[in-house]
Every structure is written in structure tokens, then in C-alpha cells.
N, C-alpha and C. Protein backbone atom coordinates (compact mmCIF):
# COMPACT_ATOMS: atom_id res chain seq x y z
N MET A 1 100.46 99.11 122.41
CA MET A 1 101.57 99.94 122.89
C MET A 1 101.64 101.19 122.03
N SER A 2 101.96 102.28 122.63
CA SER A 2 102.05 103.55 121.92
C SER A 2 103.48 103.83 121.47
N SER A 3 103.64 103.96 120.15
CA SER A 3 104.96 104.31 119.61
C SER A 3 105.39 105.68 120.11
N THR A 4 104.43 106.60 120.22
CA THR A 4 104.75 107.95 120.67
C THR A 4 105.28 107.92 122.09
N ARG A 5 104.65 107.14 122.92
CA ARG A 5 105.07 107.01 124.32
C ARG A 5 106.49 106.47 124.40
N LEU A 6 106.77 105.42 123.63
CA LEU A 6 108.11 104.83 123.61
C LEU A 6 109.14 105.84 123.12
N LEU A 7 108.82 106.55 122.05
CA LEU A 7 109.74 107.54 121.50
C LEU A 7 110.02 108.67 122.48
N VAL A 8 108.97 109.23 123.06
CA VAL A 8 109.14 110.38 123.95
C VAL A 8 109.92 109.97 125.20
N LEU A 9 109.57 108.85 125.79
CA LEU A 9 110.32 108.40 126.97
C LEU A 9 111.77 108.09 126.61
N GLY A 10 111.99 107.47 125.44
CA GLY A 10 113.35 107.18 125.02
C GLY A 10 114.18 108.44 124.83
N LEU A 11 113.59 109.45 124.21
CA LEU A 11 114.32 110.71 124.00
C LEU A 11 114.56 111.44 125.31
N LEU A 12 113.58 111.39 126.21
CA LEU A 12 113.78 112.03 127.51
C LEU A 12 114.84 111.28 128.34
N HIS A 13 114.96 109.98 128.11
CA HIS A 13 116.00 109.21 128.79
C HIS A 13 117.39 109.71 128.35
N GLU A 14 117.50 110.15 127.09
CA GLU A 14 118.77 110.68 126.59
C GLU A 14 119.10 112.03 127.20
N GLY A 15 118.08 112.75 127.64
CA GLY A 15 118.30 114.05 128.26
C GLY A 15 117.05 114.89 128.20
N PRO A 16 116.95 115.91 129.06
CA PRO A 16 115.77 116.78 129.07
C PRO A 16 115.58 117.46 127.70
N ARG A 17 114.32 117.59 127.32
CA ARG A 17 113.98 118.20 126.02
C ARG A 17 112.64 118.92 126.14
N HIS A 18 112.42 119.84 125.22
CA HIS A 18 111.10 120.45 125.12
C HIS A 18 110.37 119.85 123.93
N GLY A 19 109.07 120.03 123.92
CA GLY A 19 108.24 119.42 122.88
C GLY A 19 108.65 119.80 121.48
N TYR A 20 109.01 121.05 121.28
CA TYR A 20 109.40 121.49 119.94
C TYR A 20 110.63 120.72 119.46
N GLU A 21 111.58 120.52 120.35
CA GLU A 21 112.80 119.78 119.99
C GLU A 21 112.46 118.34 119.60
N ILE A 22 111.56 117.71 120.35
CA ILE A 22 111.14 116.34 120.03
C ILE A 22 110.44 116.32 118.68
N ASN A 23 109.56 117.29 118.44
CA ASN A 23 108.88 117.37 117.14
C ASN A 23 109.88 117.54 116.01
N GLN A 24 110.91 118.34 116.22
CA GLN A 24 111.94 118.53 115.19
C GLN A 24 112.65 117.21 114.89
N LEU A 25 112.92 116.42 115.92
CA LEU A 25 113.56 115.12 115.72
C LEU A 25 112.65 114.17 114.96
N VAL A 26 111.35 114.20 115.26
CA VAL A 26 110.37 113.36 114.56
C VAL A 26 110.35 113.75 113.08
N THR A 27 110.30 115.05 112.81
CA THR A 27 110.24 115.54 111.44
C THR A 27 111.54 115.26 110.70
N ALA A 28 112.67 115.57 111.31
CA ALA A 28 113.98 115.37 110.67
C ALA A 28 114.23 113.90 110.35
N GLY A 29 113.78 113.01 111.21
CA GLY A 29 113.97 111.59 110.99
C GLY A 29 112.87 110.95 110.16
N ALA A 30 111.90 111.76 109.73
CA ALA A 30 110.75 111.27 108.97
C ALA A 30 110.13 110.06 109.67
N LEU A 31 110.02 110.15 110.99
CA LEU A 31 109.55 109.00 111.78
C LEU A 31 108.12 108.59 111.47
N GLU A 32 107.31 109.53 110.98
CA GLU A 32 105.94 109.17 110.65
C GLU A 32 105.89 108.15 109.52
N GLN A 33 106.98 108.01 108.75
CA GLN A 33 107.05 107.00 107.70
C GLN A 33 107.35 105.62 108.26
N TRP A 34 108.02 105.56 109.39
CA TRP A 34 108.51 104.29 109.92
C TRP A 34 107.72 103.83 111.14
N THR A 35 107.03 104.76 111.80
CA THR A 35 106.31 104.43 113.03
C THR A 35 104.94 105.10 112.99
N ASP A 36 104.18 104.89 114.04
CA ASP A 36 102.88 105.56 114.16
C ASP A 36 103.00 106.92 114.83
N VAL A 37 104.21 107.44 114.97
CA VAL A 37 104.43 108.71 115.66
C VAL A 37 104.12 109.87 114.71
N LYS A 38 103.25 110.74 115.15
CA LYS A 38 102.92 111.95 114.40
C LYS A 38 103.43 113.14 115.20
N PRO A 39 103.99 114.14 114.52
CA PRO A 39 104.52 115.30 115.25
C PRO A 39 103.50 115.93 116.21
N GLY A 40 102.25 116.00 115.82
CA GLY A 40 101.24 116.62 116.65
C GLY A 40 100.92 115.85 117.93
N SER A 41 101.32 114.57 117.97
CA SER A 41 100.99 113.76 119.14
C SER A 41 102.00 113.94 120.28
N VAL A 42 103.10 114.59 120.02
CA VAL A 42 104.16 114.72 121.02
C VAL A 42 103.70 115.53 122.23
N TYR A 43 103.06 116.67 122.00
CA TYR A 43 102.65 117.53 123.12
C TYR A 43 101.62 116.82 124.00
N HIS A 44 100.69 116.13 123.36
CA HIS A 44 99.69 115.37 124.13
C HIS A 44 100.38 114.29 124.96
N ALA A 45 101.35 113.59 124.35
CA ALA A 45 102.07 112.54 125.08
C ALA A 45 102.83 113.12 126.26
N LEU A 46 103.48 114.27 126.07
CA LEU A 46 104.23 114.89 127.17
C LEU A 46 103.30 115.24 128.33
N ALA A 47 102.15 115.80 128.02
CA ALA A 47 101.20 116.17 129.08
C ALA A 47 100.70 114.92 129.80
N LYS A 48 100.41 113.87 129.06
CA LYS A 48 99.93 112.62 129.67
C LYS A 48 101.02 111.97 130.50
N LEU A 49 102.24 111.93 129.98
CA LEU A 49 103.35 111.35 130.73
C LEU A 49 103.58 112.12 132.03
N GLU A 50 103.45 113.43 131.97
CA GLU A 50 103.64 114.24 133.18
C GLU A 50 102.52 113.97 134.18
N SER A 51 101.29 113.87 133.68
CA SER A 51 100.16 113.61 134.60
C SER A 51 100.27 112.23 135.25
N GLU A 52 100.95 111.30 134.58
CA GLU A 52 101.13 109.95 135.13
C GLU A 52 102.40 109.83 135.97
N GLY A 53 103.16 110.92 136.08
CA GLY A 53 104.37 110.90 136.88
C GLY A 53 105.56 110.24 136.19
N LEU A 54 105.48 110.07 134.87
CA LEU A 54 106.56 109.44 134.11
C LEU A 54 107.54 110.47 133.55
N ALA A 55 107.10 111.71 133.50
CA ALA A 55 107.94 112.84 133.07
C ALA A 55 107.61 114.01 133.99
N GLU A 56 108.54 114.95 134.06
CA GLU A 56 108.31 116.13 134.89
C GLU A 56 108.86 117.35 134.18
N THR A 57 108.28 118.49 134.50
CA THR A 57 108.81 119.73 133.96
C THR A 57 110.08 120.07 134.73
N ARG A 58 111.17 120.17 134.00
CA ARG A 58 112.46 120.48 134.63
C ARG A 58 112.66 121.99 134.70
N SER A 59 112.25 122.68 133.64
CA SER A 59 112.38 124.13 133.62
C SER A 59 111.46 124.69 132.54
N GLU A 60 111.37 126.00 132.51
CA GLU A 60 110.60 126.67 131.46
C GLU A 60 111.50 127.72 130.84
N GLU A 61 111.49 127.77 129.50
CA GLU A 61 112.31 128.73 128.77
C GLU A 61 111.40 129.66 127.99
N ARG A 62 111.69 130.93 128.01
CA ARG A 62 110.92 131.88 127.22
C ARG A 62 111.69 132.18 125.94
N THR A 63 111.02 131.95 124.80
CA THR A 63 111.58 132.31 123.51
C THR A 63 110.55 133.18 122.80
N GLY A 64 110.80 134.48 122.79
CA GLY A 64 109.82 135.40 122.23
C GLY A 64 108.57 135.38 123.07
N ASP A 65 107.42 135.17 122.43
CA ASP A 65 106.15 135.11 123.13
C ASP A 65 105.85 133.72 123.68
N ARG A 66 106.67 132.77 123.34
CA ARG A 66 106.41 131.39 123.75
C ARG A 66 107.13 131.01 125.03
N LEU A 67 106.44 130.19 125.79
CA LEU A 67 107.04 129.62 126.99
C LEU A 67 107.18 128.12 126.71
N ARG A 68 108.42 127.66 126.66
CA ARG A 68 108.69 126.25 126.39
C ARG A 68 109.01 125.53 127.68
N ARG A 69 108.32 124.43 127.88
CA ARG A 69 108.58 123.60 129.04
C ARG A 69 109.62 122.55 128.66
N VAL A 70 110.62 122.40 129.49
CA VAL A 70 111.64 121.39 129.28
C VAL A 70 111.28 120.21 130.19
N TYR A 71 111.11 119.06 129.58
CA TYR A 71 110.70 117.86 130.31
C TYR A 71 111.88 116.93 130.55
N ALA A 72 111.80 116.19 131.64
CA ALA A 72 112.80 115.18 131.97
C ALA A 72 112.06 113.91 132.38
N ILE A 73 112.71 112.79 132.17
CA ILE A 73 112.12 111.51 132.57
C ILE A 73 112.29 111.34 134.09
N THR A 74 111.32 110.72 134.72
CA THR A 74 111.39 110.43 136.16
C THR A 74 111.85 108.99 136.34
N PRO A 75 112.19 108.60 137.56
CA PRO A 75 112.52 107.19 137.80
C PRO A 75 111.38 106.25 137.38
N GLU A 76 110.13 106.66 137.64
CA GLU A 76 108.98 105.85 137.21
C GLU A 76 108.93 105.78 135.69
N GLY A 77 109.30 106.88 135.04
CA GLY A 77 109.35 106.91 133.58
C GLY A 77 110.40 105.96 133.02
N ARG A 78 111.53 105.86 133.71
CA ARG A 78 112.57 104.91 133.28
C ARG A 78 112.07 103.47 133.38
N ARG A 79 111.36 103.17 134.46
CA ARG A 79 110.78 101.83 134.61
C ARG A 79 109.75 101.56 133.51
N ALA A 80 108.92 102.56 133.22
CA ALA A 80 107.92 102.40 132.16
C ALA A 80 108.59 102.23 130.81
N LEU A 81 109.67 102.97 130.56
CA LEU A 81 110.41 102.83 129.31
C LEU A 81 110.97 101.42 129.18
N HIS A 82 111.54 100.89 130.26
CA HIS A 82 112.07 99.52 130.22
C HIS A 82 110.97 98.51 129.92
N ASP A 83 109.78 98.72 130.50
CA ASP A 83 108.65 97.83 130.23
C ASP A 83 108.24 97.91 128.76
N LEU A 84 108.18 99.14 128.22
CA LEU A 84 107.82 99.32 126.81
C LEU A 84 108.85 98.66 125.90
N LEU A 85 110.12 98.80 126.23
CA LEU A 85 111.18 98.18 125.44
C LEU A 85 111.03 96.66 125.45
N ARG A 86 110.75 96.09 126.62
CA ARG A 86 110.59 94.64 126.72
C ARG A 86 109.42 94.17 125.86
N LYS A 87 108.29 94.88 125.93
CA LYS A 87 107.11 94.50 125.13
C LYS A 87 107.40 94.63 123.64
N ALA A 88 108.02 95.73 123.24
CA ALA A 88 108.28 95.97 121.82
C ALA A 88 109.26 94.96 121.24
N LEU A 89 110.29 94.63 122.00
CA LEU A 89 111.30 93.70 121.49
C LEU A 89 110.84 92.25 121.55
N ALA A 90 109.84 91.95 122.36
CA ALA A 90 109.32 90.59 122.44
C ALA A 90 108.23 90.32 121.40
N ALA A 91 107.72 91.38 120.78
CA ALA A 91 106.65 91.23 119.79
C ALA A 91 107.25 91.09 118.38
N PRO A 92 106.52 90.42 117.48
CA PRO A 92 107.01 90.35 116.10
C PRO A 92 107.08 91.76 115.51
N PRO A 93 108.06 92.01 114.63
CA PRO A 93 108.20 93.36 114.08
C PRO A 93 107.07 93.77 113.14
N HIS A 94 106.40 92.82 112.54
CA HIS A 94 105.28 93.14 111.63
C HIS A 94 104.12 92.21 111.91
N SER A 95 102.95 92.68 111.62
CA SER A 95 101.75 91.90 111.85
C SER A 95 101.22 91.34 110.55
N THR A 96 100.61 90.18 110.61
CA THR A 96 99.97 89.61 109.42
C THR A 96 98.51 90.02 109.35
N ARG A 97 98.04 90.75 110.35
CA ARG A 97 96.66 91.22 110.35
C ARG A 97 96.52 92.36 109.36
N SER A 98 95.44 92.34 108.59
CA SER A 98 95.26 93.37 107.58
C SER A 98 93.80 93.50 107.19
N ASP A 99 93.34 94.73 107.09
CA ASP A 99 91.99 94.96 106.57
C ASP A 99 91.94 94.64 105.08
N PHE A 100 93.08 94.71 104.39
CA PHE A 100 93.14 94.38 102.98
C PHE A 100 92.66 92.95 102.75
N ALA A 101 93.16 92.02 103.56
CA ALA A 101 92.77 90.61 103.41
C ALA A 101 91.27 90.45 103.65
N LEU A 102 90.75 91.13 104.63
CA LEU A 102 89.32 91.05 104.92
C LEU A 102 88.50 91.65 103.77
N ALA A 103 88.94 92.77 103.24
CA ALA A 103 88.22 93.42 102.14
C ALA A 103 88.20 92.57 100.88
N LEU A 104 89.25 91.80 100.66
CA LEU A 104 89.27 90.93 99.47
C LEU A 104 88.10 89.95 99.47
N ARG A 105 87.67 89.57 100.66
CA ARG A 105 86.56 88.61 100.78
C ARG A 105 85.31 89.14 100.08
N TRP A 106 85.10 90.45 100.12
CA TRP A 106 83.88 91.04 99.55
C TRP A 106 84.17 92.01 98.40
N HIS A 107 85.30 91.84 97.74
CA HIS A 107 85.66 92.78 96.66
C HIS A 107 84.61 92.83 95.55
N ALA A 108 83.87 91.74 95.34
CA ALA A 108 82.88 91.69 94.25
C ALA A 108 81.69 92.60 94.51
N LEU A 109 81.55 93.11 95.72
CA LEU A 109 80.46 94.02 96.01
C LEU A 109 80.67 95.39 95.37
N LEU A 110 81.90 95.68 95.00
CA LEU A 110 82.21 96.97 94.36
C LEU A 110 81.83 96.92 92.89
N GLU A 111 81.73 98.09 92.29
CA GLU A 111 81.40 98.15 90.87
C GLU A 111 82.48 97.47 90.05
N SER A 112 82.12 97.02 88.88
CA SER A 112 83.04 96.29 88.00
C SER A 112 84.32 97.09 87.77
N GLY A 113 85.44 96.46 88.02
CA GLY A 113 86.75 97.08 87.79
C GLY A 113 87.22 97.98 88.92
N GLU A 114 86.34 98.31 89.86
CA GLU A 114 86.74 99.22 90.93
C GLU A 114 87.79 98.60 91.85
N ALA A 115 87.61 97.33 92.21
CA ALA A 115 88.59 96.66 93.07
C ALA A 115 89.96 96.63 92.38
N ARG A 116 89.98 96.33 91.09
CA ARG A 116 91.24 96.29 90.36
C ARG A 116 91.90 97.67 90.35
N ASP A 117 91.11 98.72 90.14
CA ASP A 117 91.65 100.09 90.14
C ASP A 117 92.21 100.46 91.52
N LEU A 118 91.53 100.03 92.56
CA LEU A 118 91.99 100.32 93.91
C LEU A 118 93.30 99.58 94.21
N VAL A 119 93.39 98.34 93.75
CA VAL A 119 94.62 97.57 93.94
C VAL A 119 95.75 98.21 93.13
N ALA A 120 95.44 98.69 91.94
CA ALA A 120 96.45 99.38 91.13
C ALA A 120 96.93 100.64 91.84
N ALA A 121 96.03 101.38 92.45
CA ALA A 121 96.41 102.58 93.21
C ALA A 121 97.26 102.19 94.41
N SER A 122 96.92 101.08 95.03
CA SER A 122 97.71 100.59 96.16
C SER A 122 99.12 100.23 95.70
N ARG A 123 99.24 99.64 94.53
CA ARG A 123 100.56 99.30 93.98
C ARG A 123 101.38 100.57 93.73
N GLN A 124 100.74 101.60 93.21
CA GLN A 124 101.45 102.86 92.98
C GLN A 124 101.92 103.46 94.30
N ALA A 125 101.06 103.45 95.30
CA ALA A 125 101.43 103.98 96.62
C ALA A 125 102.57 103.16 97.21
N LEU A 126 102.52 101.85 97.01
CA LEU A 126 103.58 100.97 97.51
C LEU A 126 104.90 101.26 96.80
N ASP A 127 104.83 101.47 95.50
CA ASP A 127 106.05 101.82 94.75
C ASP A 127 106.65 103.12 95.28
N ALA A 128 105.80 104.09 95.61
CA ALA A 128 106.28 105.36 96.17
C ALA A 128 106.91 105.13 97.54
N ARG A 129 106.31 104.26 98.35
CA ARG A 129 106.90 103.95 99.66
C ARG A 129 108.25 103.27 99.50
N ARG A 130 108.35 102.39 98.51
CA ARG A 130 109.64 101.70 98.28
C ARG A 130 110.70 102.72 97.87
N ALA A 131 110.32 103.69 97.05
CA ALA A 131 111.27 104.74 96.63
C ALA A 131 111.68 105.59 97.84
N MET A 132 110.71 105.91 98.71
CA MET A 132 111.02 106.68 99.92
C MET A 132 111.94 105.88 100.85
N LEU A 133 111.72 104.59 100.93
CA LEU A 133 112.57 103.74 101.76
C LEU A 133 114.00 103.74 101.23
N ARG A 134 114.13 103.61 99.92
CA ARG A 134 115.48 103.63 99.32
C ARG A 134 116.16 104.97 99.60
N ALA A 135 115.42 106.06 99.44
CA ALA A 135 116.00 107.38 99.71
C ALA A 135 116.35 107.53 101.18
N GLY A 136 115.49 107.04 102.06
CA GLY A 136 115.78 107.10 103.49
C GLY A 136 117.00 106.28 103.85
N ARG A 137 117.13 105.14 103.21
CA ARG A 137 118.29 104.28 103.48
C ARG A 137 119.57 104.99 103.03
N GLU A 138 119.53 105.61 101.86
CA GLU A 138 120.71 106.33 101.37
C GLU A 138 121.05 107.50 102.29
N ALA A 139 120.03 108.21 102.77
CA ALA A 139 120.26 109.36 103.64
C ALA A 139 120.83 108.94 104.99
N LYS A 140 120.49 107.73 105.41
CA LYS A 140 120.94 107.26 106.72
C LYS A 140 122.06 106.22 106.60
N ALA A 141 122.71 106.20 105.45
CA ALA A 141 123.76 105.20 105.20
C ALA A 141 124.84 105.26 106.28
N GLY A 142 125.28 104.09 106.69
CA GLY A 142 126.36 104.00 107.66
C GLY A 142 125.93 104.18 109.10
N LEU A 143 124.63 104.19 109.38
CA LEU A 143 124.17 104.37 110.76
C LEU A 143 124.68 103.24 111.67
N SER A 144 124.26 102.03 111.35
CA SER A 144 124.67 100.89 112.17
C SER A 144 124.20 99.60 111.50
N PRO A 145 124.78 98.48 111.87
CA PRO A 145 124.28 97.20 111.35
C PRO A 145 122.82 96.95 111.74
N LEU A 146 122.40 97.44 112.92
CA LEU A 146 121.00 97.29 113.31
C LEU A 146 120.08 98.06 112.36
N ALA A 147 120.47 99.27 111.99
CA ALA A 147 119.67 100.07 111.05
C ALA A 147 119.61 99.37 109.70
N ASP A 148 120.73 98.81 109.25
CA ASP A 148 120.75 98.07 107.99
C ASP A 148 119.79 96.89 108.04
N ALA A 149 119.78 96.17 109.17
CA ALA A 149 118.88 95.02 109.31
C ALA A 149 117.42 95.47 109.23
N LEU A 150 117.10 96.61 109.84
CA LEU A 150 115.73 97.13 109.79
C LEU A 150 115.34 97.53 108.38
N PHE A 151 116.25 98.18 107.67
CA PHE A 151 115.97 98.55 106.27
C PHE A 151 115.81 97.30 105.41
N ASP A 152 116.66 96.29 105.60
CA ASP A 152 116.54 95.03 104.85
C ASP A 152 115.17 94.41 105.09
N ASN A 153 114.73 94.39 106.35
CA ASN A 153 113.44 93.82 106.70
C ASN A 153 112.30 94.60 106.04
N ALA A 154 112.37 95.92 106.12
CA ALA A 154 111.32 96.75 105.51
C ALA A 154 111.26 96.52 104.00
N GLU A 155 112.42 96.45 103.36
CA GLU A 155 112.46 96.20 101.92
C GLU A 155 111.85 94.84 101.58
N ALA A 156 112.16 93.83 102.38
CA ALA A 156 111.61 92.49 102.13
C ALA A 156 110.09 92.50 102.27
N HIS A 157 109.56 93.19 103.29
CA HIS A 157 108.11 93.27 103.47
C HIS A 157 107.45 94.00 102.32
N LEU A 158 108.05 95.09 101.90
CA LEU A 158 107.46 95.85 100.79
C LEU A 158 107.53 95.05 99.49
N ALA A 159 108.60 94.31 99.28
CA ALA A 159 108.71 93.47 98.09
C ALA A 159 107.64 92.37 98.11
N ALA A 160 107.42 91.78 99.29
CA ALA A 160 106.37 90.76 99.42
C ALA A 160 104.99 91.36 99.18
N ASP A 161 104.75 92.56 99.69
CA ASP A 161 103.47 93.23 99.44
C ASP A 161 103.29 93.54 97.96
N ALA A 162 104.36 93.96 97.29
CA ALA A 162 104.29 94.24 95.85
C ALA A 162 103.92 92.97 95.08
N LYS A 163 104.51 91.85 95.46
CA LYS A 163 104.20 90.56 94.82
C LYS A 163 102.75 90.19 95.06
N LEU A 164 102.27 90.38 96.29
CA LEU A 164 100.87 90.09 96.60
C LEU A 164 99.94 90.94 95.73
N LEU A 165 100.21 92.24 95.65
CA LEU A 165 99.34 93.12 94.87
C LEU A 165 99.37 92.75 93.39
N GLU A 166 100.53 92.36 92.90
CA GLU A 166 100.65 91.90 91.50
C GLU A 166 99.79 90.65 91.29
N ASP A 167 99.87 89.70 92.22
CA ASP A 167 99.07 88.47 92.12
C ASP A 167 97.59 88.78 92.21
N VAL A 168 97.19 89.66 93.13
CA VAL A 168 95.78 90.01 93.28
C VAL A 168 95.27 90.69 92.01
N GLN A 169 96.06 91.60 91.44
CA GLN A 169 95.64 92.25 90.20
C GLN A 169 95.43 91.24 89.09
N ARG A 170 96.36 90.30 88.99
CA ARG A 170 96.26 89.26 87.95
C ARG A 170 94.99 88.44 88.17
N LEU A 171 94.72 88.06 89.41
CA LEU A 171 93.53 87.27 89.70
C LEU A 171 92.24 88.05 89.47
N LEU A 172 92.26 89.32 89.74
CA LEU A 172 91.06 90.15 89.48
C LEU A 172 90.83 90.32 87.98
N ASP A 173 91.90 90.26 87.21
CA ASP A 173 91.77 90.36 85.75
C ASP A 173 91.15 89.10 85.14
N ASP A 174 91.36 87.97 85.81
CA ASP A 174 90.87 86.68 85.27
C ASP A 174 89.38 86.53 85.39
């Protein structure tokens, strides 16, 4: 399932928008940290949704030299959004699948100490993500109990990953 597709259809369900406005919402919400949505993917998604009849150009606005297309969701787009919501809410929020686990199987193929250094770098990156999550939670304080539950879940996953990396580092040291 495409996170970008779900996001764009969801935002268009709220009301007609142009691509730049959607990109601004992605950037302002730092959604690339929480989802697979990248600001650059919005325009491609809008064009694809329109070609599939899930979105339509409602109007065009000229701002300076630019012509902005304002998109709206179609009835078919609403049905597709409902299907995406059903799939997303029926799936587990996180996957246990990981290339990290697979790579551990052959870590000894790397030069001496390289796997440990890579795991240490992963721990540093994870610590930075945990700090960004805390900052994001503070910035979005008071949103809703659902948002709090999502932040709690993300914190628990990151804490579990930190514990795993700590254990792996210890085992690589032995």
C-alpha cells in the first residue's frame, strides 16, 4: 500500500488542494519521519490518481509564472480511500521483517570490528530518531488521545530497538 496515495486521497477528501499545499503540509508535519511519504512524491501521486480517475482537476490558479492545478477527490477516489483505510487499519502497525536481522547472519564476512562500528552508528542514528520523536511529541502536544497512543507506540518500538542494538553490540564484543 502506498502511504503517499493514502495521504493525498485523505487530504483531498478534506477539500480541494494543489500539490504545493500538500507538499507544505508534508513538510510542516515532518511526515517523512513518520511515514514513507516524501514531498517530491506528491506531484507524481496526483498525476497518477488523476489518470486513474480517483482525483480530478477542479481548477487552475496562476501565481506569477506558475500555473497551479487544484485537485479534488472523485467518488471513485472516496471508495479507493475507504479501501486504503480498511487495509491500513487491518494491518499491524509495525513489521518484524528487517534486513538487519538477515545481515546479522553474515556479519562475520565484514572486516574485524566493522559490524560493531556499524551497529554503533545505528545506535547513534536511533538515539537521534528518539530525540526527534520527543521533540515532535512536544510540538504536537495536546493533539488527541489517538496521537498520544501513536507516540507511545513509536517510543516503545524505538526503546526495544535500542535494547536490541545494545545486546547485539555486547554480543559482537564477546
